[in-house]
Amino acid sequence: MKAIRVPRTGPGRPRTRPDHVLGDKSYSSKAIRAWLRRKGIAHTIPERADQARNRVRRGSRGGRPPAFDREVYKHRNVVERCFNRLKQWRGIATRYDKTAQSYEAAVTLAALLMWA
């Protein structure tokens, strides 16, 4: 989460605080939600079934369920479709590159070819 960088449209260093974060259930841990709250970043992350059961089991001590907006969460589909299209490239799907820099270059090249 600390590696988040939001590009600026003009000059200056990149922003480190996005306006909103969309995540799947793997990002629903208490630590990640607390970190996002401390940074003042709005988030839409569904609650895992086991977390909901534990919260309900604890009763009033379990607290309220985290806010979740289904309409905002539907926009995450665009990102998932992009990942699926990128994984059609064999080198990206299997990660043949030895260095992170060459892998990032391959992803950038594939994204540019998809966009063009």
PDB file of N, CA and C in Angstrom:
ATOM      1  N   MET A   1       0.829  -1.195   0.000  1.00  0.00           N
ATOM      2  CA  MET A   1       0.000   0.000   0.000  1.00  0.00           C
ATOM      3  C   MET A   1       0.871   1.255   0.000  1.00  0.00           C
ATOM      4  N   LYS A   2       2.071   1.156   0.568  1.00  0.00           N
ATOM      5  CA  LYS A   2       2.934   2.332   0.619  1.00  0.00           C
ATOM      6  C   LYS A   2       3.501   2.698  -0.743  1.00  0.00           C
ATOM      7  N   ALA A   3       3.421   1.794  -1.710  1.00  0.00           N
ATOM      8  CA  ALA A   3       3.973   2.057  -3.040  1.00  0.00           C
ATOM      9  C   ALA A   3       2.977   2.785  -3.943  1.00  0.00           C
ATOM     10  N   ILE A   4       1.821   3.170  -3.424  1.00  0.00           N
ATOM     11  CA  ILE A   4       0.819   3.858  -4.238  1.00  0.00           C
ATOM     12  C   ILE A   4       1.369   5.206  -4.684  1.00  0.00           C
ATOM     13  N   ARG A   5       1.295   5.457  -5.975  1.00  0.00           N
ATOM     14  CA  ARG A   5       1.683   6.743  -6.543  1.00  0.00           C
ATOM     15  C   ARG A   5       0.610   7.158  -7.540  1.00  0.00           C
ATOM     16  N   VAL A   6       0.140   8.381  -7.443  1.00  0.00           N
ATOM     17  CA  VAL A   6      -0.875   8.901  -8.341  1.00  0.00           C
ATOM     18  C   VAL A   6      -0.206   9.962  -9.205  1.00  0.00           C
ATOM     19  N   PRO A   7      -0.126   9.762 -10.531  1.00  0.00           N
ATOM     20  CA  PRO A   7       0.573  10.741 -11.368  1.00  0.00           C
ATOM     21  C   PRO A   7      -0.124  12.091 -11.375  1.00  0.00           C
ATOM     22  N   ARG A   8       0.661  13.133 -11.438  1.00  0.00           N
ATOM     23  CA  ARG A   8       0.133  14.491 -11.547  1.00  0.00           C
ATOM     24  C   ARG A   8      -0.048  14.845 -13.008  1.00  0.00           C
ATOM     25  N   THR A   9      -1.000  15.709 -13.286  1.00  0.00           N
ATOM     26  CA  THR A   9      -1.198  16.148 -14.661  1.00  0.00           C
ATOM     27  C   THR A   9      -0.197  17.237 -15.037  1.00  0.00           C
ATOM     28  N   GLY A  10       0.326  17.932 -14.070  1.00  0.00           N
ATOM     29  CA  GLY A  10       1.287  18.998 -14.328  1.00  0.00           C
ATOM     30  C   GLY A  10       2.619  18.699 -13.674  1.00  0.00           C
ATOM     31  N   PRO A  11       3.441  19.743 -13.499  1.00  0.00           N
ATOM     32  CA  PRO A  11       4.743  19.523 -12.873  1.00  0.00           C
ATOM     33  C   PRO A  11       4.606  19.240 -11.374  1.00  0.00           C
ATOM     34  N   GLY A  12       5.647  18.686 -10.819  1.00  0.00           N
ATOM     35  CA  GLY A  12       5.656  18.394  -9.389  1.00  0.00           C
ATOM     36  C   GLY A  12       5.808  16.916  -9.120  1.00  0.00           C
ATOM     37  N   ARG A  13       6.050  16.600  -7.878  1.00  0.00           N
ATOM     38  CA  ARG A  13       6.234  15.195  -7.535  1.00  0.00           C
ATOM     39  C   ARG A  13       4.884  14.486  -7.491  1.00  0.00           C
ATOM     40  N   PRO A  14       4.886  13.170  -7.665  1.00  0.00           N
ATOM     41  CA  PRO A  14       3.611  12.444  -7.689  1.00  0.00           C
ATOM     42  C   PRO A  14       2.903  12.481  -6.338  1.00  0.00           C
ATOM     43  N   ARG A  15       1.591  12.493  -6.406  1.00  0.00           N
ATOM     44  CA  ARG A  15       0.800  12.431  -5.186  1.00  0.00           C
ATOM     45  C   ARG A  15       0.939  11.048  -4.584  1.00  0.00           C
ATOM     46  N   THR A  16       0.864  10.957  -3.300  1.00  0.00           N
ATOM     47  CA  THR A  16       0.916   9.651  -2.646  1.00  0.00           C
ATOM     48  C   THR A  16      -0.423   9.296  -2.011  1.00  0.00           C
ATOM     49  N   ARG A  17      -1.393  10.137  -2.190  1.00  0.00           N
ATOM     50  CA  ARG A  17      -2.698   9.903  -1.585  1.00  0.00           C
ATOM     51  C   ARG A  17      -3.777   9.930  -2.667  1.00  0.00           C
ATOM     52  N   PRO A  18      -4.281   8.759  -3.079  1.00  0.00           N
ATOM     53  CA  PRO A  18      -5.354   8.747  -4.071  1.00  0.00           C
ATOM     54  C   PRO A  18      -6.658   9.242  -3.446  1.00  0.00           C
ATOM     55  N   ASP A  19      -7.600   9.592  -4.292  1.00  0.00           N
ATOM     56  CA  ASP A  19      -8.900  10.041  -3.798  1.00  0.00           C
ATOM     57  C   ASP A  19      -9.715   8.880  -3.224  1.00  0.00           C
ATOM     58  N   HIS A  20      -9.620   7.719  -3.885  1.00  0.00           N
ATOM     59  CA  HIS A  20     -10.439   6.572  -3.487  1.00  0.00           C
ATOM     60  C   HIS A  20      -9.709   5.288  -3.876  1.00  0.00           C
ATOM     61  N   VAL A  21      -9.841   4.258  -3.067  1.00  0.00           N
ATOM     62  CA  VAL A  21      -9.226   2.961  -3.356  1.00  0.00           C
ATOM     63  C   VAL A  21     -10.331   1.922  -3.461  1.00  0.00           C
ATOM     64  N   LEU A  22     -10.298   1.147  -4.552  1.00  0.00           N
ATOM     65  CA  LEU A  22     -11.200   0.010  -4.723  1.00  0.00           C
ATOM     66  C   LEU A  22     -10.372  -1.255  -4.562  1.00  0.00           C
ATOM     67  N   GLY A  23     -10.807  -2.167  -3.724  1.00  0.00           N
ATOM     68  CA  GLY A  23     -10.056  -3.399  -3.521  1.00  0.00           C
ATOM     69  C   GLY A  23     -10.980  -4.584  -3.417  1.00  0.00           C
ATOM     70  N   ASP A  24     -10.416  -5.767  -3.633  1.00  0.00           N
ATOM     71  CA  ASP A  24     -11.237  -6.958  -3.472  1.00  0.00           C
ATOM     72  C   ASP A  24     -11.139  -7.454  -2.027  1.00  0.00           C
ATOM     73  N   LYS A  25     -11.719  -8.610  -1.771  1.00  0.00           N
ATOM     74  CA  LYS A  25     -11.814  -9.099  -0.389  1.00  0.00           C
ATOM     75  C   LYS A  25     -10.460  -9.401   0.239  1.00  0.00           C
ATOM     76  N   SER A  26      -9.436  -9.596  -0.581  1.00  0.00           N
ATOM     77  CA  SER A  26      -8.123  -9.889  -0.001  1.00  0.00           C
ATOM     78  C   SER A  26      -7.531  -8.665   0.694  1.00  0.00           C
ATOM     79  N   TYR A  27      -8.057  -7.474   0.423  1.00  0.00           N
ATOM     80  CA  TYR A  27      -7.578  -6.247   1.060  1.00  0.00           C
ATOM     81  C   TYR A  27      -8.476  -5.811   2.215  1.00  0.00           C
ATOM     82  N   SER A  28      -9.308  -6.712   2.733  1.00  0.00           N
ATOM     83  CA  SER A  28     -10.280  -6.310   3.745  1.00  0.00           C
ATOM     84  C   SER A  28      -9.767  -6.469   5.170  1.00  0.00           C
ATOM     85  N   SER A  29      -8.470  -6.610   5.350  1.00  0.00           N
ATOM     86  CA  SER A  29      -7.965  -6.792   6.711  1.00  0.00           C
ATOM     87  C   SER A  29      -8.141  -5.518   7.532  1.00  0.00           C
ATOM     88  N   LYS A  30      -8.193  -5.707   8.820  1.00  0.00           N
ATOM     89  CA  LYS A  30      -8.374  -4.578   9.736  1.00  0.00           C
ATOM     90  C   LYS A  30      -7.201  -3.597   9.638  1.00  0.00           C
ATOM     91  N   ALA A  31      -5.998  -4.130   9.445  1.00  0.00           N
ATOM     92  CA  ALA A  31      -4.797  -3.285   9.361  1.00  0.00           C
ATOM     93  C   ALA A  31      -4.831  -2.382   8.133  1.00  0.00           C
ATOM     94  N   ILE A  32      -5.238  -2.925   6.985  1.00  0.00           N
ATOM     95  CA  ILE A  32      -5.291  -2.118   5.763  1.00  0.00           C
ATOM     96  C   ILE A  32      -6.372  -1.055   5.881  1.00  0.00           C
ATOM     97  N   ARG A  33      -7.530  -1.431   6.397  1.00  0.00           N
ATOM     98  CA  ARG A  33      -8.600  -0.435   6.561  1.00  0.00           C
ATOM     99  C   ARG A  33      -8.172   0.684   7.517  1.00  0.00           C
ATOM    100  N   ALA A  34      -7.483   0.324   8.592  1.00  0.00           N
ATOM    101  CA  ALA A  34      -7.020   1.331   9.552  1.00  0.00           C
ATOM    102  C   ALA A  34      -5.978   2.243   8.910  1.00  0.00           C
ATOM    103  N   TRP A  35      -5.072   1.677   8.116  1.00  0.00           N
ATOM    104  CA  TRP A  35      -4.045   2.476   7.441  1.00  0.00           C
ATOM    105  C   TRP A  35      -4.686   3.474   6.478  1.00  0.00           C
ATOM    106  N   LEU A  36      -5.689   3.010   5.716  1.00  0.00           N
ATOM    107  CA  LEU A  36      -6.386   3.908   4.789  1.00  0.00           C
ATOM    108  C   LEU A  36      -7.116   5.012   5.550  1.00  0.00           C
ATOM    109  N   ARG A  37      -7.732   4.665   6.679  1.00  0.00           N
ATOM    110  CA  ARG A  37      -8.431   5.671   7.484  1.00  0.00           C
ATOM    111  C   ARG A  37      -7.474   6.710   8.033  1.00  0.00           C
ATOM    112  N   ARG A  38      -6.307   6.257   8.520  1.00  0.00           N
ATOM    113  CA  ARG A  38      -5.308   7.190   9.052  1.00  0.00           C
ATOM    114  C   ARG A  38      -4.830   8.171   7.984  1.00  0.00           C
ATOM    115  N   LYS A  39      -4.691   7.673   6.759  1.00  0.00           N
ATOM    116  CA  LYS A  39      -4.234   8.531   5.658  1.00  0.00           C
ATOM    117  C   LYS A  39      -5.352   9.390   5.077  1.00  0.00           C
ATOM    118  N   GLY A  40      -6.586   9.150   5.493  1.00  0.00           N
ATOM    119  CA  GLY A  40      -7.718   9.927   4.990  1.00  0.00           C
ATOM    120  C   GLY A  40      -8.122   9.535   3.577  1.00  0.00           C
ATOM    121  N   ILE A  41      -7.909   8.268   3.218  1.00  0.00           N
ATOM    122  CA  ILE A  41      -8.233   7.775   1.881  1.00  0.00           C
ATOM    123  C   ILE A  41      -9.551   7.013   1.944  1.00  0.00           C
ATOM    124  N   ALA A  42     -10.515   7.444   1.145  1.00  0.00           N
ATOM    125  CA  ALA A  42     -11.795   6.739   1.072  1.00  0.00           C
ATOM    126  C   ALA A  42     -11.568   5.390   0.403  1.00  0.00           C
ATOM    127  N   HIS A  43     -12.315   4.368   0.817  1.00  0.00           N
ATOM    128  CA  HIS A  43     -12.122   3.049   0.233  1.00  0.00           C
ATOM    129  C   HIS A  43     -13.433   2.298   0.123  1.00  0.00           C
ATOM    130  N   THR A  44     -13.490   1.423  -0.878  1.00  0.00           N
ATOM    131  CA  THR A  44     -14.616   0.525  -1.067  1.00  0.00           C
ATOM    132  C   THR A  44     -14.043  -0.876  -1.169  1.00  0.00           C
ATOM    133  N   ILE A  45     -14.146  -1.611  -0.080  1.00  0.00           N
ATOM    134  CA  ILE A  45     -13.610  -2.968  -0.006  1.00  0.00           C
ATOM    135  C   ILE A  45     -14.676  -3.843   0.642  1.00  0.00           C
ATOM    136  N   PRO A  46     -15.111  -4.924  -0.029  1.00  0.00           N
ATOM    137  CA  PRO A  46     -16.127  -5.789   0.587  1.00  0.00           C
ATOM    138  C   PRO A  46     -15.554  -6.541   1.783  1.00  0.00           C
ATOM    139  N   GLU A  47     -16.433  -6.893   2.686  1.00  0.00           N
ATOM    140  CA  GLU A  47     -16.026  -7.622   3.888  1.00  0.00           C
ATOM    141  C   GLU A  47     -16.050  -9.120   3.607  1.00  0.00           C
ATOM    142  N   ARG A  48     -15.024  -9.837   4.047  1.00  0.00           N
ATOM    143  CA  ARG A  48     -14.995 -11.283   3.871  1.00  0.00           C
ATOM    144  C   ARG A  48     -16.049 -11.933   4.756  1.00  0.00           C
ATOM    145  N   ALA A  49     -16.514 -13.104   4.332  1.00  0.00           N
ATOM    146  CA  ALA A  49     -17.587 -13.794   5.059  1.00  0.00           C
ATOM    147  C   ALA A  49     -17.156 -14.153   6.483  1.00  0.00           C
ATOM    148  N   ASP A  50     -15.898 -14.585   6.651  1.00  0.00           N
ATOM    149  CA  ASP A  50     -15.468 -14.962   8.002  1.00  0.00           C
ATOM    150  C   ASP A  50     -15.371 -13.740   8.910  1.00  0.00           C
ATOM    151  N   GLN A  51     -15.001 -12.584   8.362  1.00  0.00           N
ATOM    152  CA  GLN A  51     -14.955 -11.370   9.174  1.00  0.00           C
ATOM    153  C   GLN A  51     -16.355 -10.952   9.594  1.00  0.00           C
ATOM    154  N   ALA A  52     -17.309 -11.084   8.686  1.00  0.00           N
ATOM    155  CA  ALA A  52     -18.693 -10.728   9.016  1.00  0.00           C
ATOM    156  C   ALA A  52     -19.245 -11.666  10.097  1.00  0.00           C
ATOM    157  N   ARG A  53     -18.966 -12.964   9.969  1.00  0.00           N
ATOM    158  CA  ARG A  53     -19.431 -13.922  10.976  1.00  0.00           C
ATOM    159  C   ARG A  53     -18.831 -13.613  12.345  1.00  0.00           C
ATOM    160  N   ASN A  54     -17.538 -13.301  12.385  1.00  0.00           N
ATOM    161  CA  ASN A  54     -16.898 -12.986  13.662  1.00  0.00           C
ATOM    162  C   ASN A  54     -17.472 -11.708  14.268  1.00  0.00           C
ATOM    163  N   ARG A  55     -17.748 -10.725  13.419  1.00  0.00           N
ATOM    164  CA  ARG A  55     -18.318  -9.468  13.916  1.00  0.00           C
ATOM    165  C   ARG A  55     -19.697  -9.726  14.502  1.00  0.00           C
ATOM    166  N   VAL A  56     -20.516 -10.509  13.808  1.00  0.00           N
ATOM    167  CA  VAL A  56     -21.864 -10.817  14.287  1.00  0.00           C
ATOM    168  C   VAL A  56     -21.792 -11.667  15.558  1.00  0.00           C
ATOM    169  N   ARG A  57     -20.863 -12.610  15.598  1.00  0.00           N
ATOM    170  CA  ARG A  57     -20.703 -13.471  16.773  1.00  0.00           C
ATOM    171  C   ARG A  57     -20.371 -12.659  18.015  1.00  0.00           C
ATOM    172  N   ARG A  58     -19.606 -11.594  17.843  1.00  0.00           N
ATOM    173  CA  ARG A  58     -19.216 -10.771  18.994  1.00  0.00           C
ATOM    174  C   ARG A  58     -20.340  -9.857  19.470  1.00  0.00           C
ATOM    175  N   GLY A  59     -21.379  -9.738  18.678  1.00  0.00           N
ATOM    176  CA  GLY A  59     -22.522  -8.924  19.084  1.00  0.00           C
ATOM    177  C   GLY A  59     -22.204  -7.443  19.048  1.00  0.00           C
ATOM    178  N   SER A  60     -22.610  -6.716  20.081  1.00  0.00           N
ATOM    179  CA  SER A  60     -22.407  -5.267  20.099  1.00  0.00           C
ATOM    180  C   SER A  60     -20.925  -4.902  20.190  1.00  0.00           C
ATOM    181  N   ARG A  61     -20.085  -5.800  20.698  1.00  0.00           N
ATOM    182  CA  ARG A  61     -18.646  -5.531  20.765  1.00  0.00           C
ATOM    183  C   ARG A  61     -17.978  -5.672  19.400  1.00  0.00           C
ATOM    184  N   GLY A  62     -18.682  -6.297  18.450  1.00  0.00           N
ATOM    185  CA  GLY A  62     -18.121  -6.516  17.116  1.00  0.00           C
ATOM    186  C   GLY A  62     -18.086  -5.268  16.263  1.00  0.00           C
ATOM    187  N   GLY A  63     -18.858  -4.269  16.655  1.00  0.00           N
ATOM    188  CA  GLY A  63     -18.868  -3.023  15.903  1.00  0.00           C
ATOM    189  C   GLY A  63     -19.803  -3.081  14.706  1.00  0.00           C
ATOM    190  N   ARG A  64     -19.829  -1.965  13.996  1.00  0.00           N
ATOM    191  CA  ARG A  64     -20.681  -1.876  12.816  1.00  0.00           C
ATOM    192  C   ARG A  64     -19.950  -2.438  11.600  1.00  0.00           C
ATOM    193  N   PRO A  65     -20.697  -2.880  10.605  1.00  0.00           N
ATOM    194  CA  PRO A  65     -20.033  -3.350   9.384  1.00  0.00           C
ATOM    195  C   PRO A  65     -19.410  -2.166   8.646  1.00  0.00           C
ATOM    196  N   PRO A  66     -18.297  -2.390   7.943  1.00  0.00           N
ATOM    197  CA  PRO A  66     -17.679  -1.290   7.203  1.00  0.00           C
ATOM    198  C   PRO A  66     -18.583  -0.838   6.069  1.00  0.00           C
ATOM    199  N   ALA A  67     -18.513   0.443   5.752  1.00  0.00           N
ATOM    200  CA  ALA A  67     -19.336   0.988   4.667  1.00  0.00           C
ATOM    201  C   ALA A  67     -18.925   0.336   3.342  1.00  0.00           C
ATOM    202  N   PHE A  68     -19.904   0.044   2.514  1.00  0.00           N
ATOM    203  CA  PHE A  68     -19.641  -0.593   1.226  1.00  0.00           C
ATOM    204  C   PHE A  68     -20.655  -0.084   0.218  1.00  0.00           C
ATOM    205  N   ASP A  69     -20.186   0.463  -0.892  1.00  0.00           N
ATOM    206  CA  ASP A  69     -21.053   1.001  -1.939  1.00  0.00           C
ATOM    207  C   ASP A  69     -20.960   0.100  -3.167  1.00  0.00           C
ATOM    208  N   ARG A  70     -22.031  -0.635  -3.440  1.00  0.00           N
ATOM    209  CA  ARG A  70     -22.034  -1.572  -4.568  1.00  0.00           C
ATOM    210  C   ARG A  70     -21.829  -0.884  -5.913  1.00  0.00           C
ATOM    211  N   GLU A  71     -22.396   0.274  -6.096  1.00  0.00           N
ATOM    212  CA  GLU A  71     -22.288   0.976  -7.382  1.00  0.00           C
ATOM    213  C   GLU A  71     -20.851   1.408  -7.654  1.00  0.00           C
ATOM    214  N   VAL A  72     -20.154   1.873  -6.640  1.00  0.00           N
ATOM    215  CA  VAL A  72     -18.750   2.253  -6.812  1.00  0.00           C
ATOM    216  C   VAL A  72     -17.902   1.013  -7.065  1.00  0.00           C
ATOM    217  N   TYR A  73     -18.217  -0.077  -6.374  1.00  0.00           N
ATOM    218  CA  TYR A  73     -17.433  -1.310  -6.508  1.00  0.00           C
ATOM    219  C   TYR A  73     -17.525  -1.893  -7.918  1.00  0.00           C
ATOM    220  N   LYS A  74     -18.609  -1.637  -8.618  1.00  0.00           N
ATOM    221  CA  LYS A  74     -18.774  -2.149  -9.979  1.00  0.00           C
ATOM    222  C   LYS A  74     -17.730  -1.580 -10.931  1.00  0.00           C
ATOM    223  N   HIS A  75     -17.153  -0.423 -10.608  1.00  0.00           N
ATOM    224  CA  HIS A  75     -16.132   0.174 -11.473  1.00  0.00           C
ATOM    225  C   HIS A  75     -14.820  -0.611 -11.427  1.00  0.00           C
ATOM    226  N   ARG A  76     -14.640  -1.462 -10.444  1.00  0.00           N
ATOM    227  CA  ARG A  76     -13.437  -2.272 -10.351  1.00  0.00           C
ATOM    228  C   ARG A  76     -13.338  -3.264 -11.498  1.00  0.00           C
ATOM    229  N   ASN A  77     -14.458  -3.558 -12.129  1.00  0.00           N
ATOM    230  CA  ASN A  77     -14.513  -4.480 -13.249  1.00  0.00           C
ATOM    231  C   ASN A  77     -13.609  -4.014 -14.396  1.00  0.00           C
ATOM    232  N   VAL A  78     -13.486  -2.726 -14.605  1.00  0.00           N
ATOM    233  CA  VAL A  78     -12.652  -2.190 -15.681  1.00  0.00           C
ATOM    234  C   VAL A  78     -11.194  -2.594 -15.470  1.00  0.00           C
ATOM    235  N   VAL A  79     -10.726  -2.489 -14.249  1.00  0.00           N
ATOM    236  CA  VAL A  79      -9.347  -2.849 -13.928  1.00  0.00           C
ATOM    237  C   VAL A  79      -9.134  -4.351 -14.096  1.00  0.00           C
ATOM    238  N   GLU A  80     -10.080  -5.157 -13.633  1.00  0.00           N
ATOM    239  CA  GLU A  80      -9.952  -6.605 -13.755  1.00  0.00           C
ATOM    240  C   GLU A  80      -9.918  -7.032 -15.222  1.00  0.00           C
ATOM    241  N   ARG A  81     -10.723  -6.410 -16.060  1.00  0.00           N
ATOM    242  CA  ARG A  81     -10.703  -6.744 -17.490  1.00  0.00           C
ATOM    243  C   ARG A  81      -9.363  -6.386 -18.107  1.00  0.00           C
ATOM    244  N   CYS A  82      -8.762  -5.274 -17.670  1.00  0.00           N
ATOM    245  CA  CYS A  82      -7.445  -4.886 -18.164  1.00  0.00           C
ATOM    246  C   CYS A  82      -6.398  -5.926 -17.761  1.00  0.00           C
ATOM    247  N   PHE A  83      -6.448  -6.385 -16.514  1.00  0.00           N
ATOM    248  CA  PHE A  83      -5.511  -7.429 -16.078  1.00  0.00           C
ATOM    249  C   PHE A  83      -5.675  -8.685 -16.928  1.00  0.00           C
ATOM    250  N   ASN A  84      -6.912  -9.059 -17.217  1.00  0.00           N
ATOM    251  CA  ASN A  84      -7.157 -10.259 -18.022  1.00  0.00           C
ATOM    252  C   ASN A  84      -6.587 -10.102 -19.428  1.00  0.00           C
ATOM    253  N   ARG A  85      -6.712  -8.928 -20.011  1.00  0.00           N
ATOM    254  CA  ARG A  85      -6.154  -8.699 -21.349  1.00  0.00           C
ATOM    255  C   ARG A  85      -4.639  -8.688 -21.313  1.00  0.00           C
ATOM    256  N   LEU A  86      -4.050  -8.146 -20.262  1.00  0.00           N
ATOM    257  CA  LEU A  86      -2.588  -8.150 -20.158  1.00  0.00           C
ATOM    258  C   LEU A  86      -2.053  -9.574 -20.006  1.00  0.00           C
ATOM    259  N   LYS A  87      -2.789 -10.422 -19.323  1.00  0.00           N
ATOM    260  CA  LYS A  87      -2.326 -11.790 -19.097  1.00  0.00           C
ATOM    261  C   LYS A  87      -2.433 -12.661 -20.338  1.00  0.00           C
ATOM    262  N   GLN A  88      -3.000 -12.133 -21.416  1.00  0.00           N
ATOM    263  CA  GLN A  88      -2.986 -12.861 -22.676  1.00  0.00           C
ATOM    264  C   GLN A  88      -1.585 -12.851 -23.287  1.00  0.00           C
ATOM    265  N   TRP A  89      -0.744 -11.946 -22.819  1.00  0.00           N
ATOM    266  CA  TRP A  89       0.652 -11.905 -23.242  1.00  0.00           C
ATOM    267  C   TRP A  89       1.399 -12.940 -22.405  1.00  0.00           C
ATOM    268  N   ARG A  90       1.971 -13.921 -23.061  1.00  0.00           N
ATOM    269  CA  ARG A  90       2.592 -15.042 -22.364  1.00  0.00           C
ATOM    270  C   ARG A  90       3.712 -14.605 -21.417  1.00  0.00           C
ATOM    271  N   GLY A  91       4.548 -13.698 -21.849  1.00  0.00           N
ATOM    272  CA  GLY A  91       5.662 -13.250 -21.021  1.00  0.00           C
ATOM    273  C   GLY A  91       5.210 -12.534 -19.765  1.00  0.00           C
ATOM    274  N   ILE A  92       4.084 -11.852 -19.841  1.00  0.00           N
ATOM    275  CA  ILE A  92       3.560 -11.141 -18.670  1.00  0.00           C
ATOM    276  C   ILE A  92       2.866 -12.126 -17.728  1.00  0.00           C
ATOM    277  N   ALA A  93       2.114 -13.070 -18.305  1.00  0.00           N
ATOM    278  CA  ALA A  93       1.376 -14.022 -17.478  1.00  0.00           C
ATOM    279  C   ALA A  93       2.315 -14.946 -16.706  1.00  0.00           C
ATOM    280  N   THR A  94       3.443 -15.321 -17.296  1.00  0.00           N
ATOM    281  CA  THR A  94       4.353 -16.261 -16.634  1.00  0.00           C
ATOM    282  C   THR A  94       5.546 -15.581 -15.992  1.00  0.00           C
ATOM    283  N   ARG A  95       5.705 -14.308 -16.232  1.00  0.00           N
ATOM    284  CA  ARG A  95       6.777 -13.498 -15.660  1.00  0.00           C
ATOM    285  C   ARG A  95       8.158 -14.103 -15.919  1.00  0.00           C
ATOM    286  N   TYR A  96       8.523 -14.133 -17.210  1.00  0.00           N
ATOM    287  CA  TYR A  96       9.830 -14.658 -17.607  1.00  0.00           C
ATOM    288  C   TYR A  96      10.964 -13.694 -17.277  1.00  0.00           C
ATOM    289  N   ASP A  97      10.689 -12.405 -17.212  1.00  0.00           N
ATOM    290  CA  ASP A  97      11.742 -11.413 -17.009  1.00  0.00           C
ATOM    291  C   ASP A  97      12.391 -11.590 -15.646  1.00  0.00           C
ATOM    292  N   LYS A  98      13.704 -11.394 -15.616  1.00  0.00           N
ATOM    293  CA  LYS A  98      14.432 -11.562 -14.358  1.00  0.00           C
ATOM    294  C   LYS A  98      14.329 -10.344 -13.458  1.00  0.00           C
ATOM    295  N   THR A  99      14.322  -9.153 -14.036  1.00  0.00           N
ATOM    296  CA  THR A  99      14.306  -7.941 -13.215  1.00  0.00           C
ATOM    297  C   THR A  99      12.926  -7.300 -13.240  1.00  0.00           C
ATOM    298  N   ALA A 100      12.619  -6.592 -12.180  1.00  0.00           N
ATOM    299  CA  ALA A 100      11.336  -5.890 -12.097  1.00  0.00           C
ATOM    300  C   ALA A 100      11.250  -4.797 -13.153  1.00  0.00           C
ATOM    301  N   GLN A 101      12.378  -4.186 -13.469  1.00  0.00           N
ATOM    302  CA  GLN A 101      12.401  -3.099 -14.447  1.00  0.00           C
ATOM    303  C   GLN A 101      12.024  -3.615 -15.845  1.00  0.00           C
ATOM    304  N   SER A 102      12.551  -4.767 -16.241  1.00  0.00           N
ATOM    305  CA  SER A 102      12.208  -5.290 -17.563  1.00  0.00           C
ATOM    306  C   SER A 102      10.761  -5.791 -17.595  1.00  0.00           C
ATOM    307  N   TYR A 103      10.275  -6.330 -16.481  1.00  0.00           N
ATOM    308  CA  TYR A 103       8.880  -6.765 -16.418  1.00  0.00           C
ATOM    309  C   TYR A 103       7.945  -5.557 -16.537  1.00  0.00           C
ATOM    310  N   GLU A 104       8.268  -4.482 -15.843  1.00  0.00           N
ATOM    311  CA  GLU A 104       7.454  -3.266 -15.922  1.00  0.00           C
ATOM    312  C   GLU A 104       7.469  -2.700 -17.338  1.00  0.00           C
ATOM    313  N   ALA A 105       8.616  -2.769 -18.004  1.00  0.00           N
ATOM    314  CA  ALA A 105       8.699  -2.303 -19.389  1.00  0.00           C
ATOM    315  C   ALA A 105       7.816  -3.150 -20.302  1.00  0.00           C
ATOM    316  N   ALA A 106       7.783  -4.471 -20.079  1.00  0.00           N
ATOM    317  CA  ALA A 106       6.943  -5.353 -20.885  1.00  0.00           C
ATOM    318  C   ALA A 106       5.464  -5.045 -20.664  1.00  0.00           C
ATOM    319  N   VAL A 107       5.083  -4.794 -19.427  1.00  0.00           N
ATOM    320  CA  VAL A 107       3.686  -4.451 -19.137  1.00  0.00           C
ATOM    321  C   VAL A 107       3.325  -3.123 -19.795  1.00  0.00           C
ATOM    322  N   THR A 108       4.230  -2.153 -19.730  1.00  0.00           N
ATOM    323  CA  THR A 108       3.988  -0.855 -20.364  1.00  0.00           C
ATOM    324  C   THR A 108       3.845  -1.003 -21.874  1.00  0.00           C
ATOM    325  N   LEU A 109       4.720  -1.786 -22.483  1.00  0.00           N
ATOM    326  CA  LEU A 109       4.649  -2.006 -23.927  1.00  0.00           C
ATOM    327  C   LEU A 109       3.344  -2.691 -24.319  1.00  0.00           C
ATOM    328  N   ALA A 110       2.940  -3.719 -23.565  1.00  0.00           N
ATOM    329  CA  ALA A 110       1.692  -4.416 -23.857  1.00  0.00           C
ATOM    330  C   ALA A 110       0.497  -3.477 -23.699  1.00  0.00           C
ATOM    331  N   ALA A 111       0.520  -2.641 -22.668  1.00  0.00           N
ATOM    332  CA  ALA A 111      -0.581  -1.697 -22.462  1.00  0.00           C
ATOM    333  C   ALA A 111      -0.654  -0.690 -23.610  1.00  0.00           C
ATOM    334  N   LEU A 112       0.499  -0.222 -24.062  1.00  0.00           N
ATOM    335  CA  LEU A 112       0.508   0.719 -25.191  1.00  0.00           C
ATOM    336  C   LEU A 112      -0.024   0.070 -26.463  1.00  0.00           C
ATOM    337  N   LEU A 113       0.364  -1.180 -26.719  1.00  0.00           N
ATOM    338  CA  LEU A 113      -0.135  -1.874 -27.908  1.00  0.00           C
ATOM    339  C   LEU A 113      -1.631  -2.142 -27.810  1.00  0.00           C
ATOM    340  N   MET A 114      -2.125  -2.451 -26.622  1.00  0.00           N
ATOM    341  CA  MET A 114      -3.570  -2.645 -26.447  1.00  0.00           C
ATOM    342  C   MET A 114      -4.321  -1.331 -26.678  1.00  0.00           C
ATOM    343  N   TRP A 115      -3.756  -0.245 -26.171  1.00  0.00           N
ATOM    344  CA  TRP A 115      -4.402   1.052 -26.258  1.00  0.00           C
ATOM    345  C   TRP A 115      -4.430   1.558 -27.698  1.00  0.00           C
ATOM    346  N   ALA A 116      -3.345   1.284 -28.433  1.00  0.00           N
ATOM    347  CA  ALA A 116      -3.264   1.734 -29.834  1.00  0.00           C
ATOM    348  C   ALA A 116      -4.103   0.838 -30.668  1.00  0.00           C
TER     349      ALA A 116
END
